[in-house]
């Protein structure tokens, strides 16, 4: 009985670890920071059913926690607020997979120095 319970626990740990690893590889990545200073480019698009919608494309210089610059492209479903600070998650395989607004004190100082130049 103990062997079966131990085997079941080991199986659960392996499955959970594999799922976490897959998620980190697919959606995780390096954090970069930007400050929105201009409007995104409004782009008209259609989904598979023919419904029209718009999204906004941004091409920005972003900075990692060490202040290294990288040009990143990302989309938003609305025009982003000017002067907002964003944290972008960049994945080498998929590009920017996520963005979120952050407060200025949450930005690492080397990145903030580069943003404010």
PDB file of N, CA and C in Angstrom:
ATOM      1  N   UNK A   1       0.820  -1.194   0.000  1.00  0.00           N
ATOM      2  CA  UNK A   1       0.000   0.000   0.000  1.00  0.00           C
ATOM      3  C   UNK A   1       0.868   1.265   0.000  1.00  0.00           C
ATOM      4  N   UNK A   2       1.948   1.250   0.816  1.00  0.00           N
ATOM      5  CA  UNK A   2       2.835   2.410   0.870  1.00  0.00           C
ATOM      6  C   UNK A   2       3.543   2.617  -0.463  1.00  0.00           C
ATOM      7  N   UNK A   3       3.913   1.512  -1.122  1.00  0.00           N
ATOM      8  CA  UNK A   3       4.582   1.626  -2.415  1.00  0.00           C
ATOM      9  C   UNK A   3       3.643   2.246  -3.448  1.00  0.00           C
ATOM     10  N   UNK A   4       2.381   1.864  -3.411  1.00  0.00           N
ATOM     11  CA  UNK A   4       1.421   2.404  -4.367  1.00  0.00           C
ATOM     12  C   UNK A   4       1.189   3.895  -4.094  1.00  0.00           C
ATOM     13  N   UNK A   5       1.095   4.277  -2.840  1.00  0.00           N
ATOM     14  CA  UNK A   5       0.909   5.677  -2.473  1.00  0.00           C
ATOM     15  C   UNK A   5       2.131   6.501  -2.876  1.00  0.00           C
ATOM     16  N   UNK A   6       3.317   5.973  -2.630  1.00  0.00           N
ATOM     17  CA  UNK A   6       4.544   6.662  -3.022  1.00  0.00           C
ATOM     18  C   UNK A   6       4.607   6.820  -4.547  1.00  0.00           C
ATOM     19  N   UNK A   7       4.244   5.780  -5.277  1.00  0.00           N
ATOM     20  CA  UNK A   7       4.235   5.833  -6.742  1.00  0.00           C
ATOM     21  C   UNK A   7       3.248   6.855  -7.269  1.00  0.00           C
ATOM     22  N   UNK A   8       2.073   6.937  -6.639  1.00  0.00           N
ATOM     23  CA  UNK A   8       1.052   7.904  -7.038  1.00  0.00           C
ATOM     24  C   UNK A   8       1.535   9.334  -6.792  1.00  0.00           C
ATOM     25  N   UNK A   9       2.146   9.569  -5.646  1.00  0.00           N
ATOM     26  CA  UNK A   9       2.679  10.905  -5.326  1.00  0.00           C
ATOM     27  C   UNK A   9       3.798  11.271  -6.307  1.00  0.00           C
ATOM     28  N   UNK A  10       4.675  10.336  -6.606  1.00  0.00           N
ATOM     29  CA  UNK A  10       5.762  10.593  -7.556  1.00  0.00           C
ATOM     30  C   UNK A  10       5.202  10.924  -8.941  1.00  0.00           C
ATOM     31  N   UNK A  11       4.164  10.230  -9.363  1.00  0.00           N
ATOM     32  CA  UNK A  11       3.531  10.488 -10.657  1.00  0.00           C
ATOM     33  C   UNK A  11       2.910  11.889 -10.700  1.00  0.00           C
ATOM     34  N   UNK A  12       2.243  12.282  -9.634  1.00  0.00           N
ATOM     35  CA  UNK A  12       1.642  13.620  -9.562  1.00  0.00           C
ATOM     36  C   UNK A  12       2.722  14.697  -9.630  1.00  0.00           C
ATOM     37  N   UNK A  13       3.821  14.507  -8.922  1.00  0.00           N
ATOM     38  CA  UNK A  13       4.915  15.474  -8.936  1.00  0.00           C
ATOM     39  C   UNK A  13       5.518  15.579 -10.340  1.00  0.00           C
ATOM     40  N   UNK A  14       5.696  14.473 -11.014  1.00  0.00           N
ATOM     41  CA  UNK A  14       6.262  14.473 -12.372  1.00  0.00           C
ATOM     42  C   UNK A  14       5.327  15.194 -13.344  1.00  0.00           C
ATOM     43  N   UNK A  15       4.039  14.916 -13.267  1.00  0.00           N
ATOM     44  CA  UNK A  15       3.072  15.560 -14.167  1.00  0.00           C
ATOM     45  C   UNK A  15       3.008  17.063 -13.900  1.00  0.00           C
ATOM     46  N   UNK A  16       2.952  17.445 -12.624  1.00  0.00           N
ATOM     47  CA  UNK A  16       2.891  18.868 -12.285  1.00  0.00           C
ATOM     48  C   UNK A  16       4.174  19.575 -12.721  1.00  0.00           C
ATOM     49  N   UNK A  17       5.315  18.963 -12.507  1.00  0.00           N
ATOM     50  CA  UNK A  17       6.592  19.559 -12.908  1.00  0.00           C
ATOM     51  C   UNK A  17       6.693  19.707 -14.418  1.00  0.00           C
ATOM     52  N   UNK A  18       6.219  18.731 -15.144  1.00  0.00           N
ATOM     53  CA  UNK A  18       6.236  18.796 -16.607  1.00  0.00           C
ATOM     54  C   UNK A  18       5.335  19.918 -17.113  1.00  0.00           C
ATOM     55  N   UNK A  19       4.160  20.054 -16.519  1.00  0.00           N
ATOM     56  CA  UNK A  19       3.241  21.125 -16.907  1.00  0.00           C
ATOM     57  C   UNK A  19       3.838  22.491 -16.638  1.00  0.00           C
ATOM     58  N   UNK A  20       4.470  22.652 -15.502  1.00  0.00           N
ATOM     59  CA  UNK A  20       5.108  23.928 -15.154  1.00  0.00           C
ATOM     60  C   UNK A  20       6.252  24.231 -16.116  1.00  0.00           C
ATOM     61  N   UNK A  21       7.073  23.234 -16.425  1.00  0.00           N
ATOM     62  CA  UNK A  21       8.197  23.428 -17.349  1.00  0.00           C
ATOM     63  C   UNK A  21       7.680  23.827 -18.734  1.00  0.00           C
ATOM     64  N   UNK A  22       6.628  23.158 -19.214  1.00  0.00           N
ATOM     65  CA  UNK A  22       6.058  23.498 -20.519  1.00  0.00           C
ATOM     66  C   UNK A  22       5.562  24.940 -20.518  1.00  0.00           C
ATOM     67  N   UNK A  23       4.874  25.348 -19.450  1.00  0.00           N
ATOM     68  CA  UNK A  23       4.352  26.710 -19.371  1.00  0.00           C
ATOM     69  C   UNK A  23       5.488  27.734 -19.393  1.00  0.00           C
ATOM     70  N   UNK A  24       6.535  27.506 -18.616  1.00  0.00           N
ATOM     71  CA  UNK A  24       7.665  28.442 -18.561  1.00  0.00           C
ATOM     72  C   UNK A  24       8.376  28.539 -19.914  1.00  0.00           C
ATOM     73  N   UNK A  25       8.525  27.429 -20.604  1.00  0.00           N
ATOM     74  CA  UNK A  25       9.171  27.440 -21.913  1.00  0.00           C
ATOM     75  C   UNK A  25       8.293  28.171 -22.927  1.00  0.00           C
ATOM     76  N   UNK A  26       6.990  27.931 -22.879  1.00  0.00           N
ATOM     77  CA  UNK A  26       6.073  28.513 -23.862  1.00  0.00           C
ATOM     78  C   UNK A  26       5.750  29.975 -23.599  1.00  0.00           C
ATOM     79  N   UNK A  27       5.579  30.346 -22.345  1.00  0.00           N
ATOM     80  CA  UNK A  27       5.088  31.688 -22.038  1.00  0.00           C
ATOM     81  C   UNK A  27       5.998  32.510 -21.134  1.00  0.00           C
ATOM     82  N   UNK A  28       6.962  31.902 -20.524  1.00  0.00           N
ATOM     83  CA  UNK A  28       7.888  32.632 -19.678  1.00  0.00           C
ATOM     84  C   UNK A  28       8.930  33.345 -20.518  1.00  0.00           C
ATOM     85  N   UNK A  29       9.777  34.102 -19.875  1.00  0.00           N
ATOM     86  CA  UNK A  29      10.825  34.772 -20.615  1.00  0.00           C
ATOM     87  C   UNK A  29      11.456  35.879 -19.798  1.00  0.00           C
ATOM     88  N   UNK A  30      12.145  36.761 -20.495  1.00  0.00           N
ATOM     89  CA  UNK A  30      12.848  37.875 -19.882  1.00  0.00           C
ATOM     90  C   UNK A  30      11.908  39.066 -19.740  1.00  0.00           C
ATOM     91  N   UNK A  31      12.008  39.773 -18.633  1.00  0.00           N
ATOM     92  CA  UNK A  31      11.193  40.968 -18.412  1.00  0.00           C
ATOM     93  C   UNK A  31      11.909  42.187 -18.974  1.00  0.00           C
ATOM     94  N   UNK A  32      11.155  42.996 -19.705  1.00  0.00           N
ATOM     95  CA  UNK A  32      11.634  44.267 -20.249  1.00  0.00           C
ATOM     96  C   UNK A  32      10.655  45.352 -19.826  1.00  0.00           C
ATOM     97  N   UNK A  33      11.134  46.578 -19.782  1.00  0.00           N
ATOM     98  CA  UNK A  33      10.324  47.696 -19.308  1.00  0.00           C
ATOM     99  C   UNK A  33      10.316  48.829 -20.332  1.00  0.00           C
ATOM    100  N   UNK A  34       9.146  49.482 -20.464  1.00  0.00           N
ATOM    101  CA  UNK A  34       9.016  50.636 -21.351  1.00  0.00           C
ATOM    102  C   UNK A  34       8.120  51.676 -20.684  1.00  0.00           C
ATOM    103  N   UNK A  35       8.125  52.869 -21.242  1.00  0.00           N
ATOM    104  CA  UNK A  35       7.139  53.883 -20.895  1.00  0.00           C
ATOM    105  C   UNK A  35       6.428  54.252 -22.193  1.00  0.00           C
ATOM    106  N   UNK A  36       5.113  54.187 -22.180  1.00  0.00           N
ATOM    107  CA  UNK A  36       4.327  54.514 -23.370  1.00  0.00           C
ATOM    108  C   UNK A  36       4.376  56.026 -23.577  1.00  0.00           C
ATOM    109  N   UNK A  37       4.816  56.448 -24.757  1.00  0.00           N
ATOM    110  CA  UNK A  37       4.931  57.882 -25.046  1.00  0.00           C
ATOM    111  C   UNK A  37       4.127  58.301 -26.267  1.00  0.00           C
ATOM    112  N   UNK A  38       3.648  57.322 -27.044  1.00  0.00           N
ATOM    113  CA  UNK A  38       2.881  57.661 -28.238  1.00  0.00           C
ATOM    114  C   UNK A  38       1.809  56.608 -28.489  1.00  0.00           C
ATOM    115  N   UNK A  39       0.873  56.958 -29.356  1.00  0.00           N
ATOM    116  CA  UNK A  39      -0.199  56.030 -29.700  1.00  0.00           C
ATOM    117  C   UNK A  39       0.346  54.870 -30.520  1.00  0.00           C
ATOM    118  N   UNK A  40      -0.328  53.728 -30.391  1.00  0.00           N
ATOM    119  CA  UNK A  40       0.003  52.592 -31.232  1.00  0.00           C
ATOM    120  C   UNK A  40      -0.600  52.774 -32.616  1.00  0.00           C
ATOM    121  N   UNK A  41      -0.129  51.986 -33.560  1.00  0.00           N
ATOM    122  CA  UNK A  41      -0.655  52.035 -34.921  1.00  0.00           C
ATOM    123  C   UNK A  41      -1.935  51.192 -34.960  1.00  0.00           C
ATOM    124  N   UNK A  42      -3.068  51.828 -35.317  1.00  0.00           N
ATOM    125  CA  UNK A  42      -4.357  51.144 -35.357  1.00  0.00           C
ATOM    126  C   UNK A  42      -4.413  50.262 -36.604  1.00  0.00           C
ATOM    127  N   UNK A  43      -4.692  48.969 -36.396  1.00  0.00           N
ATOM    128  CA  UNK A  43      -4.708  48.005 -37.486  1.00  0.00           C
ATOM    129  C   UNK A  43      -6.057  47.302 -37.518  1.00  0.00           C
ATOM    130  N   UNK A  44      -6.681  47.295 -38.702  1.00  0.00           N
ATOM    131  CA  UNK A  44      -7.960  46.613 -38.901  1.00  0.00           C
ATOM    132  C   UNK A  44      -7.681  45.154 -39.223  1.00  0.00           C
ATOM    133  N   UNK A  45      -8.466  44.241 -38.632  1.00  0.00           N
ATOM    134  CA  UNK A  45      -8.253  42.814 -38.828  1.00  0.00           C
ATOM    135  C   UNK A  45      -9.594  42.098 -38.852  1.00  0.00           C
ATOM    136  N   UNK A  46      -9.597  40.841 -39.280  1.00  0.00           N
ATOM    137  CA  UNK A  46     -10.806  40.027 -39.284  1.00  0.00           C
ATOM    138  C   UNK A  46     -10.509  38.682 -38.644  1.00  0.00           C
ATOM    139  N   UNK A  47     -11.501  38.159 -37.914  1.00  0.00           N
ATOM    140  CA  UNK A  47     -11.336  36.818 -37.367  1.00  0.00           C
ATOM    141  C   UNK A  47     -11.847  35.790 -38.383  1.00  0.00           C
ATOM    142  N   UNK A  48     -11.865  34.524 -38.015  1.00  0.00           N
ATOM    143  CA  UNK A  48     -12.260  33.454 -38.938  1.00  0.00           C
ATOM    144  C   UNK A  48     -13.717  33.541 -39.378  1.00  0.00           C
ATOM    145  N   UNK A  49     -14.552  34.173 -38.569  1.00  0.00           N
ATOM    146  CA  UNK A  49     -15.974  34.289 -38.919  1.00  0.00           C
ATOM    147  C   UNK A  49     -16.262  35.516 -39.771  1.00  0.00           C
ATOM    148  N   UNK A  50     -15.252  36.335 -40.038  1.00  0.00           N
ATOM    149  CA  UNK A  50     -15.436  37.529 -40.849  1.00  0.00           C
ATOM    150  C   UNK A  50     -15.728  38.780 -40.049  1.00  0.00           C
ATOM    151  N   UNK A  51     -15.744  38.654 -38.729  1.00  0.00           N
ATOM    152  CA  UNK A  51     -15.999  39.811 -37.867  1.00  0.00           C
ATOM    153  C   UNK A  51     -14.770  40.729 -37.862  1.00  0.00           C
ATOM    154  N   UNK A  52     -15.005  42.024 -38.051  1.00  0.00           N
ATOM    155  CA  UNK A  52     -13.922  43.005 -38.079  1.00  0.00           C
ATOM    156  C   UNK A  52     -13.620  43.502 -36.673  1.00  0.00           C
ATOM    157  N   UNK A  53     -12.365  43.645 -36.381  1.00  0.00           N
ATOM    158  CA  UNK A  53     -11.932  44.226 -35.108  1.00  0.00           C
ATOM    159  C   UNK A  53     -10.646  45.000 -35.331  1.00  0.00           C
ATOM    160  N   UNK A  54     -10.240  45.765 -34.340  1.00  0.00           N
ATOM    161  CA  UNK A  54      -9.019  46.565 -34.422  1.00  0.00           C
ATOM    162  C   UNK A  54      -8.092  46.198 -33.282  1.00  0.00           C
ATOM    163  N   UNK A  55      -6.803  46.299 -33.542  1.00  0.00           N
ATOM    164  CA  UNK A  55      -5.808  46.194 -32.485  1.00  0.00           C
ATOM    165  C   UNK A  55      -4.751  47.262 -32.745  1.00  0.00           C
ATOM    166  N   UNK A  56      -3.915  47.481 -31.758  1.00  0.00           N
ATOM    167  CA  UNK A  56      -2.898  48.531 -31.845  1.00  0.00           C
ATOM    168  C   UNK A  56      -1.518  47.905 -31.761  1.00  0.00           C
ATOM    169  N   UNK A  57      -0.669  48.245 -32.714  1.00  0.00           N
ATOM    170  CA  UNK A  57       0.689  47.712 -32.759  1.00  0.00           C
ATOM    171  C   UNK A  57       1.670  48.737 -32.206  1.00  0.00           C
ATOM    172  N   UNK A  58       2.583  48.249 -31.389  1.00  0.00           N
ATOM    173  CA  UNK A  58       3.627  49.080 -30.803  1.00  0.00           C
ATOM    174  C   UNK A  58       4.980  48.504 -31.159  1.00  0.00           C
ATOM    175  N   UNK A  59       5.915  49.369 -31.502  1.00  0.00           N
ATOM    176  CA  UNK A  59       7.316  49.004 -31.742  1.00  0.00           C
ATOM    177  C   UNK A  59       8.127  49.941 -30.850  1.00  0.00           C
ATOM    178  N   UNK A  60       8.684  49.392 -29.788  1.00  0.00           N
ATOM    179  CA  UNK A  60       9.314  50.221 -28.754  1.00  0.00           C
ATOM    180  C   UNK A  60      10.704  49.715 -28.391  1.00  0.00           C
ATOM    181  N   UNK A  61      11.527  50.643 -27.924  1.00  0.00           N
ATOM    182  CA  UNK A  61      12.793  50.278 -27.291  1.00  0.00           C
ATOM    183  C   UNK A  61      12.460  49.909 -25.854  1.00  0.00           C
ATOM    184  N   UNK A  62      12.848  48.708 -25.463  1.00  0.00           N
ATOM    185  CA  UNK A  62      12.577  48.226 -24.115  1.00  0.00           C
ATOM    186  C   UNK A  62      13.905  47.889 -23.437  1.00  0.00           C
ATOM    187  N   UNK A  63      13.895  47.898 -22.096  1.00  0.00           N
ATOM    188  CA  UNK A  63      15.132  47.700 -21.333  1.00  0.00           C
ATOM    189  C   UNK A  63      14.945  46.608 -20.296  1.00  0.00           C
ATOM    190  N   UNK A  64      15.936  45.724 -20.195  1.00  0.00           N
ATOM    191  CA  UNK A  64      15.875  44.671 -19.184  1.00  0.00           C
ATOM    192  C   UNK A  64      16.348  45.204 -17.837  1.00  0.00           C
ATOM    193  N   UNK A  65      16.427  44.342 -16.840  1.00  0.00           N
ATOM    194  CA  UNK A  65      16.780  44.777 -15.481  1.00  0.00           C
ATOM    195  C   UNK A  65      18.187  45.351 -15.386  1.00  0.00           C
ATOM    196  N   UNK A  66      19.044  45.055 -16.372  1.00  0.00           N
ATOM    197  CA  UNK A  66      20.413  45.571 -16.389  1.00  0.00           C
ATOM    198  C   UNK A  66      20.557  46.816 -17.259  1.00  0.00           C
ATOM    199  N   UNK A  67      19.468  47.256 -17.868  1.00  0.00           N
ATOM    200  CA  UNK A  67      19.506  48.442 -18.716  1.00  0.00           C
ATOM    201  C   UNK A  67      19.865  48.166 -20.169  1.00  0.00           C
ATOM    202  N   UNK A  68      19.923  46.892 -20.564  1.00  0.00           N
ATOM    203  CA  UNK A  68      20.223  46.556 -21.964  1.00  0.00           C
ATOM    204  C   UNK A  68      18.968  46.744 -22.809  1.00  0.00           C
ATOM    205  N   UNK A  69      19.159  47.397 -23.966  1.00  0.00           N
ATOM    206  CA  UNK A  69      18.042  47.725 -24.838  1.00  0.00           C
ATOM    207  C   UNK A  69      17.762  46.615 -25.850  1.00  0.00           C
ATOM    208  N   UNK A  70      16.480  46.439 -26.145  1.00  0.00           N
ATOM    209  CA  UNK A  70      16.044  45.512 -27.189  1.00  0.00           C
ATOM    210  C   UNK A  70      14.788  46.113 -27.813  1.00  0.00           C
ATOM    211  N   UNK A  71      14.710  46.131 -29.138  1.00  0.00           N
ATOM    212  CA  UNK A  71      13.509  46.621 -29.814  1.00  0.00           C
ATOM    213  C   UNK A  71      12.482  45.502 -29.812  1.00  0.00           C
ATOM    214  N   UNK A  72      11.296  45.803 -29.283  1.00  0.00           N
ATOM    215  CA  UNK A  72      10.243  44.803 -29.183  1.00  0.00           C
ATOM    216  C   UNK A  72       8.974  45.281 -29.872  1.00  0.00           C
ATOM    217  N   UNK A  73       8.265  44.353 -30.483  1.00  0.00           N
ATOM    218  CA  UNK A  73       6.962  44.605 -31.092  1.00  0.00           C
ATOM    219  C   UNK A  73       5.918  43.877 -30.258  1.00  0.00           C
ATOM    220  N   UNK A  74       4.795  44.555 -29.993  1.00  0.00           N
ATOM    221  CA  UNK A  74       3.704  43.900 -29.292  1.00  0.00           C
ATOM    222  C   UNK A  74       2.389  44.568 -29.666  1.00  0.00           C
ATOM    223  N   UNK A  75       1.292  43.905 -29.340  1.00  0.00           N
ATOM    224  CA  UNK A  75      -0.048  44.381 -29.674  1.00  0.00           C
ATOM    225  C   UNK A  75      -0.869  44.591 -28.421  1.00  0.00           C
ATOM    226  N   UNK A  76      -1.864  45.457 -28.552  1.00  0.00           N
ATOM    227  CA  UNK A  76      -2.841  45.672 -27.482  1.00  0.00           C
ATOM    228  C   UNK A  76      -4.212  45.799 -28.138  1.00  0.00           C
ATOM    229  N   UNK A  77      -5.249  45.469 -27.389  1.00  0.00           N
ATOM    230  CA  UNK A  77      -6.593  45.574 -27.957  1.00  0.00           C
ATOM    231  C   UNK A  77      -7.178  46.977 -27.821  1.00  0.00           C
ATOM    232  N   UNK A  78      -6.442  47.869 -27.178  1.00  0.00           N
ATOM    233  CA  UNK A  78      -6.850  49.275 -27.059  1.00  0.00           C
ATOM    234  C   UNK A  78      -5.595  50.147 -27.082  1.00  0.00           C
ATOM    235  N   UNK A  79      -5.789  51.418 -27.317  1.00  0.00           N
ATOM    236  CA  UNK A  79      -4.658  52.340 -27.319  1.00  0.00           C
ATOM    237  C   UNK A  79      -4.205  52.541 -25.877  1.00  0.00           C
ATOM    238  N   UNK A  80      -2.936  52.374 -25.608  1.00  0.00           N
ATOM    239  CA  UNK A  80      -2.432  52.414 -24.233  1.00  0.00           C
ATOM    240  C   UNK A  80      -2.264  53.848 -23.733  1.00  0.00           C
ATOM    241  N   UNK A  81      -2.411  53.991 -22.431  1.00  0.00           N
ATOM    242  CA  UNK A  81      -2.334  55.292 -21.772  1.00  0.00           C
ATOM    243  C   UNK A  81      -0.915  55.846 -21.849  1.00  0.00           C
ATOM    244  N   UNK A  82      -0.809  57.095 -22.301  1.00  0.00           N
ATOM    245  CA  UNK A  82       0.501  57.756 -22.367  1.00  0.00           C
ATOM    246  C   UNK A  82       1.072  57.905 -20.956  1.00  0.00           C
ATOM    247  N   UNK A  83       2.372  57.820 -20.850  1.00  0.00           N
ATOM    248  CA  UNK A  83       3.149  57.933 -19.611  1.00  0.00           C
ATOM    249  C   UNK A  83       3.039  56.682 -18.729  1.00  0.00           C
ATOM    250  N   UNK A  84       2.311  55.663 -19.157  1.00  0.00           N
ATOM    251  CA  UNK A  84       2.211  54.424 -18.382  1.00  0.00           C
ATOM    252  C   UNK A  84       3.512  53.640 -18.513  1.00  0.00           C
ATOM    253  N   UNK A  85       3.939  53.006 -17.429  1.00  0.00           N
ATOM    254  CA  UNK A  85       5.097  52.120 -17.447  1.00  0.00           C
ATOM    255  C   UNK A  85       4.582  50.694 -17.621  1.00  0.00           C
ATOM    256  N   UNK A  86       5.210  49.953 -18.526  1.00  0.00           N
ATOM    257  CA  UNK A  86       4.804  48.580 -18.785  1.00  0.00           C
ATOM    258  C   UNK A  86       5.956  47.623 -18.559  1.00  0.00           C
ATOM    259  N   UNK A  87       5.603  46.442 -18.081  1.00  0.00           N
ATOM    260  CA  UNK A  87       6.540  45.328 -17.977  1.00  0.00           C
ATOM    261  C   UNK A  87       6.128  44.332 -19.062  1.00  0.00           C
ATOM    262  N   UNK A  88       7.044  44.049 -19.993  1.00  0.00           N
ATOM    263  CA  UNK A  88       6.783  43.120 -21.085  1.00  0.00           C
ATOM    264  C   UNK A  88       7.520  41.813 -20.816  1.00  0.00           C
ATOM    265  N   UNK A  89       6.876  40.689 -21.096  1.00  0.00           N
ATOM    266  CA  UNK A  89       7.544  39.397 -21.005  1.00  0.00           C
ATOM    267  C   UNK A  89       7.900  38.969 -22.421  1.00  0.00           C
ATOM    268  N   UNK A  90       9.205  38.821 -22.677  1.00  0.00           N
ATOM    269  CA  UNK A  90       9.694  38.466 -24.011  1.00  0.00           C
ATOM    270  C   UNK A  90      10.192  37.031 -24.009  1.00  0.00           C
ATOM    271  N   UNK A  91       9.663  36.234 -24.938  1.00  0.00           N
ATOM    272  CA  UNK A  91      10.049  34.849 -25.114  1.00  0.00           C
ATOM    273  C   UNK A  91      10.755  34.739 -26.463  1.00  0.00           C
ATOM    274  N   UNK A  92      11.928  34.115 -26.504  1.00  0.00           N
ATOM    275  CA  UNK A  92      12.706  34.036 -27.748  1.00  0.00           C
ATOM    276  C   UNK A  92      11.927  33.378 -28.881  1.00  0.00           C
ATOM    277  N   UNK A  93      11.097  32.400 -28.572  1.00  0.00           N
ATOM    278  CA  UNK A  93      10.364  31.680 -29.607  1.00  0.00           C
ATOM    279  C   UNK A  93       9.094  32.409 -30.046  1.00  0.00           C
ATOM    280  N   UNK A  94       8.435  33.113 -29.124  1.00  0.00           N
ATOM    281  CA  UNK A  94       7.126  33.692 -29.420  1.00  0.00           C
ATOM    282  C   UNK A  94       7.073  35.206 -29.399  1.00  0.00           C
ATOM    283  N   UNK A  95       8.159  35.859 -29.061  1.00  0.00           N
ATOM    284  CA  UNK A  95       8.135  37.316 -28.955  1.00  0.00           C
ATOM    285  C   UNK A  95       7.529  37.745 -27.629  1.00  0.00           C
ATOM    286  N   UNK A  96       6.827  38.873 -27.620  1.00  0.00           N
ATOM    287  CA  UNK A  96       6.200  39.362 -26.388  1.00  0.00           C
ATOM    288  C   UNK A  96       4.946  38.532 -26.138  1.00  0.00           C
ATOM    289  N   UNK A  97       4.918  37.844 -25.008  1.00  0.00           N
ATOM    290  CA  UNK A  97       3.781  36.985 -24.681  1.00  0.00           C
ATOM    291  C   UNK A  97       2.836  37.625 -23.682  1.00  0.00           C
ATOM    292  N   UNK A  98       3.289  38.688 -23.016  1.00  0.00           N
ATOM    293  CA  UNK A  98       2.457  39.314 -21.994  1.00  0.00           C
ATOM    294  C   UNK A  98       2.968  40.727 -21.734  1.00  0.00           C
ATOM    295  N   UNK A  99       2.052  41.613 -21.351  1.00  0.00           N
ATOM    296  CA  UNK A  99       2.444  42.936 -20.877  1.00  0.00           C
ATOM    297  C   UNK A  99       1.487  43.336 -19.769  1.00  0.00           C
ATOM    298  N   UNK A 100       2.000  44.118 -18.844  1.00  0.00           N
ATOM    299  CA  UNK A 100       1.171  44.620 -17.757  1.00  0.00           C
ATOM    300  C   UNK A 100       1.701  45.974 -17.306  1.00  0.00           C
ATOM    301  N   UNK A 101       0.783  46.828 -16.851  1.00  0.00           N
ATOM    302  CA  UNK A 101       1.200  48.133 -16.336  1.00  0.00           C
ATOM    303  C   UNK A 101       1.787  47.948 -14.951  1.00  0.00           C
ATOM    304  N   UNK A 102       2.904  48.633 -14.691  1.00  0.00           N
ATOM    305  CA  UNK A 102       3.555  48.584 -13.381  1.00  0.00           C
ATOM    306  C   UNK A 102       3.789  50.008 -12.897  1.00  0.00           C
ATOM    307  N   UNK A 103       3.958  50.136 -11.610  1.00  0.00           N
ATOM    308  CA  UNK A 103       4.264  51.433 -11.018  1.00  0.00           C
ATOM    309  C   UNK A 103       5.765  51.699 -11.136  1.00  0.00           C
ATOM    310  N   UNK A 104       6.130  52.954 -11.230  1.00  0.00           N
ATOM    311  CA  UNK A 104       7.518  53.369 -11.416  1.00  0.00           C
ATOM    312  C   UNK A 104       8.484  52.749 -10.388  1.00  0.00           C
ATOM    313  N   UNK A 105       8.127  52.678  -9.095  1.00  0.00           N
ATOM    314  CA  UNK A 105       9.064  52.091  -8.120  1.00  0.00           C
ATOM    315  C   UNK A 105       9.364  50.602  -8.348  1.00  0.00           C
ATOM    316  N   UNK A 106       8.548  49.913  -9.128  1.00  0.00           N
ATOM    317  CA  UNK A 106       8.752  48.479  -9.384  1.00  0.00           C
ATOM    318  C   UNK A 106       9.751  48.222 -10.520  1.00  0.00           C
ATOM    319  N   UNK A 107      10.183  49.280 -11.205  1.00  0.00           N
ATOM    320  CA  UNK A 107      11.108  49.128 -12.324  1.00  0.00           C
ATOM    321  C   UNK A 107      12.544  49.154 -11.798  1.00  0.00           C
ATOM    322  N   UNK A 108      13.368  48.180 -12.174  1.00  0.00           N
ATOM    323  CA  UNK A 108      14.770  48.185 -11.738  1.00  0.00           C
ATOM    324  C   UNK A 108      15.459  49.484 -12.162  1.00  0.00           C
ATOM    325  N   UNK A 109      16.298  50.033 -11.287  1.00  0.00           N
ATOM    326  CA  UNK A 109      16.879  51.355 -11.544  1.00  0.00           C
ATOM    327  C   UNK A 109      17.705  51.449 -12.837  1.00  0.00           C
ATOM    328  N   UNK A 110      18.492  50.420 -13.242  1.00  0.00           N
ATOM    329  CA  UNK A 110      19.194  50.573 -14.529  1.00  0.00           C
ATOM    330  C   UNK A 110      18.224  50.725 -15.716  1.00  0.00           C
ATOM    331  N   UNK A 111      17.123  50.004 -15.693  1.00  0.00           N
ATOM    332  CA  UNK A 111      16.134  50.125 -16.764  1.00  0.00           C
ATOM    333  C   UNK A 111      15.450  51.478 -16.716  1.00  0.00           C
ATOM    334  N   UNK A 112      15.111  51.943 -15.520  1.00  0.00           N
ATOM    335  CA  UNK A 112      14.438  53.232 -15.371  1.00  0.00           C
ATOM    336  C   UNK A 112      15.331  54.383 -15.851  1.00  0.00           C
ATOM    337  N   UNK A 113      16.619  54.307 -15.565  1.00  0.00           N
ATOM    338  CA  UNK A 113      17.557  55.342 -16.037  1.00  0.00           C
ATOM    339  C   UNK A 113      17.557  55.414 -17.562  1.00  0.00           C
ATOM    340  N   UNK A 114      17.542  54.276 -18.222  1.00  0.00           N
ATOM    341  CA  UNK A 114      17.539  54.253 -19.684  1.00  0.00           C
ATOM    342  C   UNK A 114      16.208  54.767 -20.241  1.00  0.00           C
ATOM    343  N   UNK A 115      15.117  54.411 -19.603  1.00  0.00           N
ATOM    344  CA  UNK A 115      13.789  54.875 -20.052  1.00  0.00           C
ATOM    345  C   UNK A 115      13.699  56.384 -19.979  1.00  0.00           C
ATOM    346  N   UNK A 116      14.256  56.978 -18.930  1.00  0.00           N
ATOM    347  CA  UNK A 116      14.118  58.413 -18.701  1.00  0.00           C
ATOM    348  C   UNK A 116      15.093  59.262 -19.494  1.00  0.00           C
ATOM    349  N   UNK A 117      16.006  58.637 -20.239  1.00  0.00           N
ATOM    350  CA  UNK A 117      16.974  59.413 -21.052  1.00  0.00           C
ATOM    351  C   UNK A 117      16.265  60.133 -22.176  1.00  0.00           C
TER     352      UNK A 117
END
